[in-house]
Each structure stands twice: as C-alpha cells, then as structure tokens.
PDB file of all heavy atoms in Angstrom:
ATOM      1  N   LYS A   1    -107.233  -7.206  31.332  1.00  0.00           N
ATOM      2  CA  LYS A   1    -107.541  -8.252  30.554  1.00  0.00           C
ATOM      3  C   LYS A   1    -108.727  -9.102  31.169  1.00  0.00           C
ATOM      4  O   LYS A   1    -109.495  -9.720  30.450  1.00  0.00           O
ATOM      5  CB  LYS A   1    -106.283  -9.261  30.478  1.00  0.00           C
ATOM      6  CG  LYS A   1    -105.130  -8.713  29.761  1.00  0.00           C
ATOM      7  CD  LYS A   1    -103.963  -9.664  29.571  1.00  0.00           C
ATOM      8  CE  LYS A   1    -102.872  -9.113  28.885  1.00  0.00           C
ATOM      9  NZ  LYS A   1    -101.644 -10.098  28.716  1.00  0.00           N
ATOM     10  N   SER A   2    -108.752  -9.161  32.312  1.00  0.00           N
ATOM     11  CA  SER A   2    -109.948  -9.914  33.012  1.00  0.00           C
ATOM     12  C   SER A   2    -111.296  -9.213  32.797  1.00  0.00           C
ATOM     13  O   SER A   2    -112.290  -9.852  32.583  1.00  0.00           O
ATOM     14  CB  SER A   2    -109.664 -10.204  34.513  1.00  0.00           C
ATOM     15  OG  SER A   2    -109.575  -8.892  35.158  1.00  0.00           O
ATOM     16  N   ILE A   3    -111.320  -7.901  32.847  1.00  0.00           N
ATOM     17  CA  ILE A   3    -112.516  -7.143  32.439  1.00  0.00           C
ATOM     18  C   ILE A   3    -112.856  -7.487  31.041  1.00  0.00           C
ATOM     19  O   ILE A   3    -114.111  -7.599  30.694  1.00  0.00           O
ATOM     20  CB  ILE A   3    -112.225  -5.657  32.755  1.00  0.00           C
ATOM     21  CG1 ILE A   3    -112.145  -5.382  34.359  1.00  0.00           C
ATOM     22  CG2 ILE A   3    -113.470  -4.803  32.213  1.00  0.00           C
ATOM     23  CD1 ILE A   3    -111.732  -3.953  34.663  1.00  0.00           C
ATOM     24  N   ILE A   4    -111.943  -7.310  30.115  1.00  0.00           N
ATOM     25  CA  ILE A   4    -112.187  -7.644  28.779  1.00  0.00           C
ATOM     26  C   ILE A   4    -112.742  -8.941  28.558  1.00  0.00           C
ATOM     27  O   ILE A   4    -113.742  -9.340  27.825  1.00  0.00           O
ATOM     28  CB  ILE A   4    -110.961  -7.312  27.888  1.00  0.00           C
ATOM     29  CG1 ILE A   4    -110.688  -5.750  27.818  1.00  0.00           C
ATOM     30  CG2 ILE A   4    -111.202  -7.815  26.428  1.00  0.00           C
ATOM     31  CD1 ILE A   4    -109.370  -5.498  27.169  1.00  0.00           C
ATOM     32  N   LEU A   5    -112.124 -10.076  29.188  1.00  0.00           N
ATOM     33  CA  LEU A   5    -112.545 -11.455  29.077  1.00  0.00           C
ATOM     34  C   LEU A   5    -113.945 -11.526  29.696  1.00  0.00           C
ATOM     35  O   LEU A   5    -114.866 -12.221  29.089  1.00  0.00           O
ATOM     36  CB  LEU A   5    -111.566 -12.245  29.881  1.00  0.00           C
ATOM     37  CG  LEU A   5    -111.952 -13.739  29.933  1.00  0.00           C
ATOM     38  CD1 LEU A   5    -111.848 -14.238  28.497  1.00  0.00           C
ATOM     39  CD2 LEU A   5    -111.026 -14.496  30.805  1.00  0.00           C
ATOM     40  N   ALA A   6    -114.267 -10.852  30.757  1.00  0.00           N
ATOM     41  CA  ALA A   6    -115.550 -10.946  31.347  1.00  0.00           C
ATOM     42  C   ALA A   6    -116.649 -10.373  30.467  1.00  0.00           C
ATOM     43  O   ALA A   6    -117.773 -10.953  30.275  1.00  0.00           O
ATOM     44  CB  ALA A   6    -115.630 -10.232  32.694  1.00  0.00           C
ATOM     45  N   PHE A   7    -116.404  -9.156  29.832  1.00  0.00           N
ATOM     46  CA  PHE A   7    -117.378  -8.624  28.855  1.00  0.00           C
ATOM     47  C   PHE A   7    -117.466  -9.475  27.576  1.00  0.00           C
ATOM     48  O   PHE A   7    -118.601  -9.631  27.085  1.00  0.00           O
ATOM     49  CB  PHE A   7    -116.843  -7.188  28.433  1.00  0.00           C
ATOM     50  CG  PHE A   7    -117.218  -6.155  29.309  1.00  0.00           C
ATOM     51  CD1 PHE A   7    -116.293  -5.324  29.988  1.00  0.00           C
ATOM     52  CD2 PHE A   7    -118.611  -5.835  29.603  1.00  0.00           C
ATOM     53  CE1 PHE A   7    -116.649  -4.312  30.982  1.00  0.00           C
ATOM     54  CE2 PHE A   7    -118.994  -4.845  30.522  1.00  0.00           C
ATOM     55  CZ  PHE A   7    -118.079  -4.140  31.299  1.00  0.00           C
ATOM     56  N   GLY A   8    -116.482 -10.089  27.250  1.00  0.00           N
ATOM     57  CA  GLY A   8    -116.512 -11.015  26.061  1.00  0.00           C
ATOM     58  C   GLY A   8    -117.353 -12.221  26.393  1.00  0.00           C
ATOM     59  O   GLY A   8    -118.259 -12.580  25.526  1.00  0.00           O
ATOM     60  N   VAL A   9    -117.203 -12.780  27.492  1.00  0.00           N
ATOM     61  CA  VAL A   9    -118.057 -14.047  27.901  1.00  0.00           C
ATOM     62  C   VAL A   9    -119.472 -13.572  28.066  1.00  0.00           C
ATOM     63  O   VAL A   9    -120.419 -14.347  27.530  1.00  0.00           O
ATOM     64  CB  VAL A   9    -117.542 -14.656  29.195  1.00  0.00           C
ATOM     65  CG1 VAL A   9    -118.435 -15.605  29.728  1.00  0.00           C
ATOM     66  CG2 VAL A   9    -116.111 -15.256  28.949  1.00  0.00           C
ATOM     67  N   VAL A  10    -119.747 -12.451  28.619  1.00  0.00           N
ATOM     68  CA  VAL A  10    -121.130 -11.969  28.769  1.00  0.00           C
ATOM     69  C   VAL A  10    -121.748 -11.753  27.480  1.00  0.00           C
ATOM     70  O   VAL A  10    -122.912 -11.990  27.225  1.00  0.00           O
ATOM     71  CB  VAL A  10    -121.085 -10.768  29.772  1.00  0.00           C
ATOM     72  CG1 VAL A  10    -122.518 -10.111  29.828  1.00  0.00           C
ATOM     73  CG2 VAL A  10    -120.753 -11.207  31.202  1.00  0.00           C
ATOM     74  N   GLY A  11    -120.953 -11.038  26.624  1.00  0.00           N
ATOM     75  CA  GLY A  11    -121.549 -10.814  25.398  1.00  0.00           C
ATOM     76  C   GLY A  11    -121.884 -11.998  24.424  1.00  0.00           C
ATOM     77  O   GLY A  11    -122.978 -12.159  23.914  1.00  0.00           O
ATOM     78  N   ILE A  12    -121.010 -12.975  24.486  1.00  0.00           N
ATOM     79  CA  ILE A  12    -121.237 -14.164  23.824  1.00  0.00           C
ATOM     80  C   ILE A  12    -122.339 -14.857  24.329  1.00  0.00           C
ATOM     81  O   ILE A  12    -123.256 -15.400  23.569  1.00  0.00           O
ATOM     82  CB  ILE A  12    -119.957 -15.012  23.704  1.00  0.00           C
ATOM     83  CG1 ILE A  12    -118.847 -14.394  22.871  1.00  0.00           C
ATOM     84  CG2 ILE A  12    -120.153 -16.448  23.249  1.00  0.00           C
ATOM     85  CD1 ILE A  12    -117.449 -15.046  22.983  1.00  0.00           C
ATOM     86  N   LEU A  13    -122.444 -15.044  25.614  1.00  0.00           N
ATOM     87  CA  LEU A  13    -123.540 -15.702  26.281  1.00  0.00           C
ATOM     88  C   LEU A  13    -124.936 -15.005  25.867  1.00  0.00           C
ATOM     89  O   LEU A  13    -125.975 -15.811  25.697  1.00  0.00           O
ATOM     90  CB  LEU A  13    -123.408 -15.715  27.785  1.00  0.00           C
ATOM     91  CG  LEU A  13    -124.388 -16.534  28.644  1.00  0.00           C
ATOM     92  CD1 LEU A  13    -124.327 -17.984  28.184  1.00  0.00           C
ATOM     93  CD2 LEU A  13    -124.022 -16.419  30.136  1.00  0.00           C
ATOM     94  N   SER A  14    -124.962 -13.648  25.916  1.00  0.00           N
ATOM     95  CA  SER A  14    -126.117 -12.982  25.658  1.00  0.00           C
ATOM     96  C   SER A  14    -126.698 -13.118  24.290  1.00  0.00           C
ATOM     97  O   SER A  14    -127.833 -13.286  23.967  1.00  0.00           O
ATOM     98  CB  SER A  14    -126.041 -11.484  26.171  1.00  0.00           C
ATOM     99  OG  SER A  14    -125.037 -10.881  25.230  1.00  0.00           O
ATOM    100  N   VAL A  15    -125.769 -13.133  23.368  1.00  0.00           N
ATOM    101  CA  VAL A  15    -126.057 -13.310  21.911  1.00  0.00           C
ATOM    102  C   VAL A  15    -126.557 -14.645  21.668  1.00  0.00           C
ATOM    103  O   VAL A  15    -127.507 -14.921  20.894  1.00  0.00           O
ATOM    104  CB  VAL A  15    -124.764 -13.015  20.949  1.00  0.00           C
ATOM    105  CG1 VAL A  15    -125.085 -13.459  19.627  1.00  0.00           C
ATOM    106  CG2 VAL A  15    -124.505 -11.499  21.084  1.00  0.00           C
ATOM    107  N   SER A  16    -125.883 -15.695  22.322  1.00  0.00           N
ATOM    108  CA  SER A  16    -126.397 -17.048  21.943  1.00  0.00           C
ATOM    109  C   SER A  16    -127.674 -17.389  22.738  1.00  0.00           C
ATOM    110  O   SER A  16    -128.567 -18.040  22.086  1.00  0.00           O
ATOM    111  CB  SER A  16    -125.340 -18.043  22.612  1.00  0.00           C
ATOM    112  OG  SER A  16    -125.155 -17.978  24.103  1.00  0.00           O
ATOM    113  N   ILE A  17    -128.024 -16.767  23.841  1.00  0.00           N
ATOM    114  CA  ILE A  17    -129.341 -16.922  24.364  1.00  0.00           C
ATOM    115  C   ILE A  17    -130.339 -16.266  23.551  1.00  0.00           C
ATOM    116  O   ILE A  17    -131.375 -16.853  23.303  1.00  0.00           O
ATOM    117  CB  ILE A  17    -129.324 -16.425  25.894  1.00  0.00           C
ATOM    118  CG1 ILE A  17    -128.469 -17.372  26.847  1.00  0.00           C
ATOM    119  CG2 ILE A  17    -130.710 -16.336  26.443  1.00  0.00           C
ATOM    120  CD1 ILE A  17    -128.383 -16.759  28.150  1.00  0.00           C
ATOM    121  N   GLY A  18    -130.044 -15.069  23.114  1.00  0.00           N
ATOM    122  CA  GLY A  18    -131.049 -14.346  22.234  1.00  0.00           C
ATOM    123  C   GLY A  18    -131.293 -14.980  20.981  1.00  0.00           C
ATOM    124  O   GLY A  18    -132.445 -15.177  20.563  1.00  0.00           O
ATOM    125  N   PHE A  19    -130.274 -15.499  20.313  1.00  0.00           N
ATOM    126  CA  PHE A  19    -130.358 -16.318  19.072  1.00  0.00           C
ATOM    127  C   PHE A  19    -131.116 -17.596  19.258  1.00  0.00           C
ATOM    128  O   PHE A  19    -131.903 -17.871  18.428  1.00  0.00           O
ATOM    129  CB  PHE A  19    -128.972 -16.547  18.514  1.00  0.00           C
ATOM    130  CG  PHE A  19    -128.973 -16.973  17.117  1.00  0.00           C
ATOM    131  CD1 PHE A  19    -129.589 -16.097  16.044  1.00  0.00           C
ATOM    132  CD2 PHE A  19    -128.499 -18.232  16.729  1.00  0.00           C
ATOM    133  CE1 PHE A  19    -129.518 -16.489  14.826  1.00  0.00           C
ATOM    134  CE2 PHE A  19    -128.571 -18.544  15.342  1.00  0.00           C
ATOM    135  CZ  PHE A  19    -129.174 -17.711  14.477  1.00  0.00           C
ATOM    136  N   SER A  20    -130.897 -18.290  20.307  1.00  0.00           N
ATOM    137  CA  SER A  20    -131.629 -19.554  20.618  1.00  0.00           C
ATOM    138  C   SER A  20    -133.147 -19.225  20.875  1.00  0.00           C
ATOM    139  O   SER A  20    -133.916 -20.104  20.462  1.00  0.00           O
ATOM    140  CB  SER A  20    -130.984 -20.373  21.735  1.00  0.00           C
ATOM    141  OG  SER A  20    -131.184 -19.614  22.981  1.00  0.00           O
ATOM    142  N   ASN A  21    -133.464 -18.108  21.430  1.00  0.00           N
ATOM    143  CA  ASN A  21    -134.796 -17.777  21.555  1.00  0.00           C
ATOM    144  C   ASN A  21    -135.494 -17.502  20.340  1.00  0.00           C
ATOM    145  O   ASN A  21    -136.652 -17.757  20.060  1.00  0.00           O
ATOM    146  CB  ASN A  21    -135.046 -16.630  22.527  1.00  0.00           C
ATOM    147  CG  ASN A  21    -134.708 -16.804  23.966  1.00  0.00           C
ATOM    148  OD1 ASN A  21    -134.737 -18.047  24.366  1.00  0.00           O
ATOM    149  ND2 ASN A  21    -134.491 -15.893  24.751  1.00  0.00           N
ATOM    150  N   VAL A  22    -134.873 -16.808  19.358  1.00  0.00           N
ATOM    151  CA  VAL A  22    -135.309 -16.552  18.008  1.00  0.00           C
ATOM    152  C   VAL A  22    -135.520 -17.845  17.318  1.00  0.00           C
ATOM    153  O   VAL A  22    -136.672 -18.005  16.729  1.00  0.00           O
ATOM    154  CB  VAL A  22    -134.344 -15.652  17.253  1.00  0.00           C
ATOM    155  CG1 VAL A  22    -134.811 -15.595  15.839  1.00  0.00           C
ATOM    156  CG2 VAL A  22    -134.318 -14.281  17.896  1.00  0.00           C
ATOM    157  N   LEU A  23    -134.639 -18.772  17.376  1.00  0.00           N
ATOM    158  CA  LEU A  23    -134.800 -20.079  16.735  1.00  0.00           C
ATOM    159  C   LEU A  23    -135.890 -20.806  17.321  1.00  0.00           C
ATOM    160  O   LEU A  23    -136.676 -21.503  16.478  1.00  0.00           O
ATOM    161  CB  LEU A  23    -133.468 -20.809  16.763  1.00  0.00           C
ATOM    162  CG  LEU A  23    -132.443 -20.273  15.854  1.00  0.00           C
ATOM    163  CD1 LEU A  23    -131.126 -21.170  16.020  1.00  0.00           C
ATOM    164  CD2 LEU A  23    -132.744 -20.230  14.407  1.00  0.00           C
ATOM    165  N   ALA A  24    -135.991 -20.814  18.626  1.00  0.00           N
ATOM    166  CA  ALA A  24    -137.103 -21.595  19.266  1.00  0.00           C
ATOM    167  C   ALA A  24    -138.564 -21.058  18.883  1.00  0.00           C
ATOM    168  O   ALA A  24    -139.480 -21.814  18.774  1.00  0.00           O
ATOM    169  CB  ALA A  24    -136.940 -21.523  20.878  1.00  0.00           C
ATOM    170  N   LYS A  25    -138.621 -19.725  18.618  1.00  0.00           N
ATOM    171  CA  LYS A  25    -139.932 -19.173  18.324  1.00  0.00           C
ATOM    172  C   LYS A  25    -140.264 -19.244  16.803  1.00  0.00           C
ATOM    173  O   LYS A  25    -141.255 -18.940  16.468  1.00  0.00           O
ATOM    174  CB  LYS A  25    -139.995 -17.669  18.821  1.00  0.00           C
ATOM    175  CG  LYS A  25    -139.989 -17.519  20.280  1.00  0.00           C
ATOM    176  CD  LYS A  25    -139.945 -16.056  20.569  1.00  0.00           C
ATOM    177  CE  LYS A  25    -139.973 -15.821  22.053  1.00  0.00           C
ATOM    178  NZ  LYS A  25    -139.682 -14.425  22.407  1.00  0.00           N
ATOM    179  N   GLY A  26    -139.185 -19.674  16.047  1.00  0.00           N
ATOM    180  CA  GLY A  26    -139.284 -19.771  14.620  1.00  0.00           C
ATOM    181  C   GLY A  26    -139.451 -18.360  13.960  1.00  0.00           C
ATOM    182  O   GLY A  26    -140.056 -18.232  12.999  1.00  0.00           O
ATOM    183  N   GLU A  27    -138.662 -17.321  14.423  1.00  0.00           N
ATOM    184  CA  GLU A  27    -138.728 -16.015  13.883  1.00  0.00           C
ATOM    185  C   GLU A  27    -137.644 -15.770  12.913  1.00  0.00           C
ATOM    186  O   GLU A  27    -137.231 -14.664  12.612  1.00  0.00           O
ATOM    187  CB  GLU A  27    -138.652 -15.015  15.051  1.00  0.00           C
ATOM    188  CG  GLU A  27    -139.815 -15.138  15.907  1.00  0.00           C
ATOM    189  CD  GLU A  27    -139.578 -14.010  17.165  1.00  0.00           C
ATOM    190  OE1 GLU A  27    -138.502 -13.397  17.171  1.00  0.00           O
ATOM    191  OE2 GLU A  27    -140.614 -13.865  17.859  1.00  0.00           O
ATOM    192  N   THR A  28    -137.073 -16.823  12.273  1.00  0.00           N
ATOM    193  CA  THR A  28    -136.059 -16.649  11.191  1.00  0.00           C
ATOM    194  C   THR A  28    -136.668 -16.106  10.100  1.00  0.00           C
ATOM    195  O   THR A  28    -137.722 -16.271   9.680  1.00  0.00           O
ATOM    196  CB  THR A  28    -135.327 -17.964  11.024  1.00  0.00           C
ATOM    197  OG1 THR A  28    -136.387 -18.971  10.667  1.00  0.00           O
ATOM    198  CG2 THR A  28    -134.654 -18.497  12.246  1.00  0.00           C
ATOM    199  N   ASN A  29    -135.880 -15.358   9.386  1.00  0.00           N
ATOM    200  CA  ASN A  29    -136.288 -14.646   8.118  1.00  0.00           C
ATOM    201  C   ASN A  29    -135.494 -15.136   7.065  1.00  0.00           C
ATOM    202  O   ASN A  29    -134.684 -14.476   6.431  1.00  0.00           O
ATOM    203  CB  ASN A  29    -136.258 -13.231   8.295  1.00  0.00           C
ATOM    204  CG  ASN A  29    -136.918 -12.502   7.041  1.00  0.00           C
ATOM    205  OD1 ASN A  29    -137.504 -13.074   6.245  1.00  0.00           O
ATOM    206  ND2 ASN A  29    -136.592 -11.201   6.980  1.00  0.00           N
ATOM    207  N   ASP A  30    -135.776 -16.378   6.555  1.00  0.00           N
ATOM    208  CA  ASP A  30    -135.057 -16.899   5.437  1.00  0.00           C
ATOM    209  C   ASP A  30    -135.971 -16.693   4.192  1.00  0.00           C
ATOM    210  O   ASP A  30    -137.023 -17.050   4.153  1.00  0.00           O
ATOM    211  CB  ASP A  30    -134.599 -18.416   5.588  1.00  0.00           C
ATOM    212  CG  ASP A  30    -135.882 -19.243   5.671  1.00  0.00           C
ATOM    213  OD1 ASP A  30    -136.932 -18.849   6.068  1.00  0.00           O
ATOM    214  OD2 ASP A  30    -135.790 -20.529   5.495  1.00  0.00           O
ATOM    215  N   GLN A  31    -135.300 -16.046   3.224  1.00  0.00           N
ATOM    216  CA  GLN A  31    -136.071 -15.642   2.036  1.00  0.00           C
ATOM    217  C   GLN A  31    -136.319 -16.804   1.098  1.00  0.00           C
ATOM    218  O   GLN A  31    -136.976 -16.651   0.108  1.00  0.00           O
ATOM    219  CB  GLN A  31    -135.387 -14.461   1.320  1.00  0.00           C
ATOM    220  CG  GLN A  31    -135.286 -13.156   2.111  1.00  0.00           C
ATOM    221  CD  GLN A  31    -136.646 -12.683   2.403  1.00  0.00           C
ATOM    222  OE1 GLN A  31    -137.563 -12.619   1.599  1.00  0.00           O
ATOM    223  NE2 GLN A  31    -136.879 -12.110   3.647  1.00  0.00           N
ATOM    224  N   LEU A  32    -135.763 -17.948   1.379  1.00  0.00           N
ATOM    225  CA  LEU A  32    -135.824 -19.090   0.431  1.00  0.00           C
ATOM    226  C   LEU A  32    -137.059 -19.897   0.725  1.00  0.00           C
ATOM    227  O   LEU A  32    -137.474 -20.629  -0.011  1.00  0.00           O
ATOM    228  CB  LEU A  32    -134.575 -19.973   0.705  1.00  0.00           C
ATOM    229  CG  LEU A  32    -133.224 -19.276   0.417  1.00  0.00           C
ATOM    230  CD1 LEU A  32    -132.132 -20.295   0.764  1.00  0.00           C
ATOM    231  CD2 LEU A  32    -133.245 -18.854  -1.010  1.00  0.00           C
ATOM    232  N   GLY A  33    -137.689 -19.707   1.904  1.00  0.00           N
ATOM    233  CA  GLY A  33    -138.922 -20.507   2.310  1.00  0.00           C
ATOM    234  C   GLY A  33    -140.187 -19.829   1.901  1.00  0.00           C
ATOM    235  O   GLY A  33    -140.133 -18.744   1.305  1.00  0.00           O
ATOM    236  N   ASP A  34    -141.248 -20.416   2.330  1.00  0.00           N
ATOM    237  CA  ASP A  34    -142.585 -19.836   1.977  1.00  0.00           C
ATOM    238  C   ASP A  34    -142.807 -18.671   2.926  1.00  0.00           C
ATOM    239  O   ASP A  34    -142.420 -18.769   4.062  1.00  0.00           O
ATOM    240  CB  ASP A  34    -143.692 -20.906   2.210  1.00  0.00           C
ATOM    241  CG  ASP A  34    -143.584 -21.956   1.101  1.00  0.00           C
ATOM    242  OD1 ASP A  34    -143.023 -21.741   0.001  1.00  0.00           O
ATOM    243  OD2 ASP A  34    -144.092 -23.065   1.370  1.00  0.00           O
ATOM    244  N   THR A  35    -143.488 -17.686   2.562  1.00  0.00           N
ATOM    245  CA  THR A  35    -143.970 -16.621   3.360  1.00  0.00           C
ATOM    246  C   THR A  35    -145.442 -16.452   3.168  1.00  0.00           C
ATOM    247  O   THR A  35    -146.032 -16.669   2.111  1.00  0.00           O
ATOM    248  CB  THR A  35    -143.239 -15.357   2.971  1.00  0.00           C
ATOM    249  OG1 THR A  35    -143.502 -14.996   1.642  1.00  0.00           O
ATOM    250  CG2 THR A  35    -141.775 -15.368   3.151  1.00  0.00           C
ATOM    251  N   ASN A  36    -146.173 -15.919   4.271  1.00  0.00           N
ATOM    252  CA  ASN A  36    -147.545 -15.749   4.225  1.00  0.00           C
ATOM    253  C   ASN A  36    -147.785 -14.140   4.213  1.00  0.00           C
ATOM    254  O   ASN A  36    -147.025 -13.416   4.876  1.00  0.00           O
ATOM    255  CB  ASN A  36    -148.209 -16.414   5.395  1.00  0.00           C
ATOM    256  CG  ASN A  36    -148.219 -17.778   5.408  1.00  0.00           C
ATOM    257  OD1 ASN A  36    -148.327 -18.382   4.203  1.00  0.00           O
ATOM    258  ND2 ASN A  36    -148.166 -18.472   6.534  1.00  0.00           N
TER     259      ASN A  36
END
C-alpha cells in the first residue's frame, strides 16, 4: 500500500508540474481561439 501510495503521489506531482509548464509556456491547443 505504501509503494502504491508513493507511486501515486509521484505520478500526480509529475503530471501537475508538466501541465503547469505547458500552461506557463502558452502551449495549449484550444481550437476555439485564433491560430496562426
């Protein structure tokens, strides 16, 4: 249970850090906005 919990916490942390980097760089791909 502790190994599963550790992997879960690490996974959630890595996804949130990666997603915040994408948002900070403005690399979102929303098809509703303008595109060049």
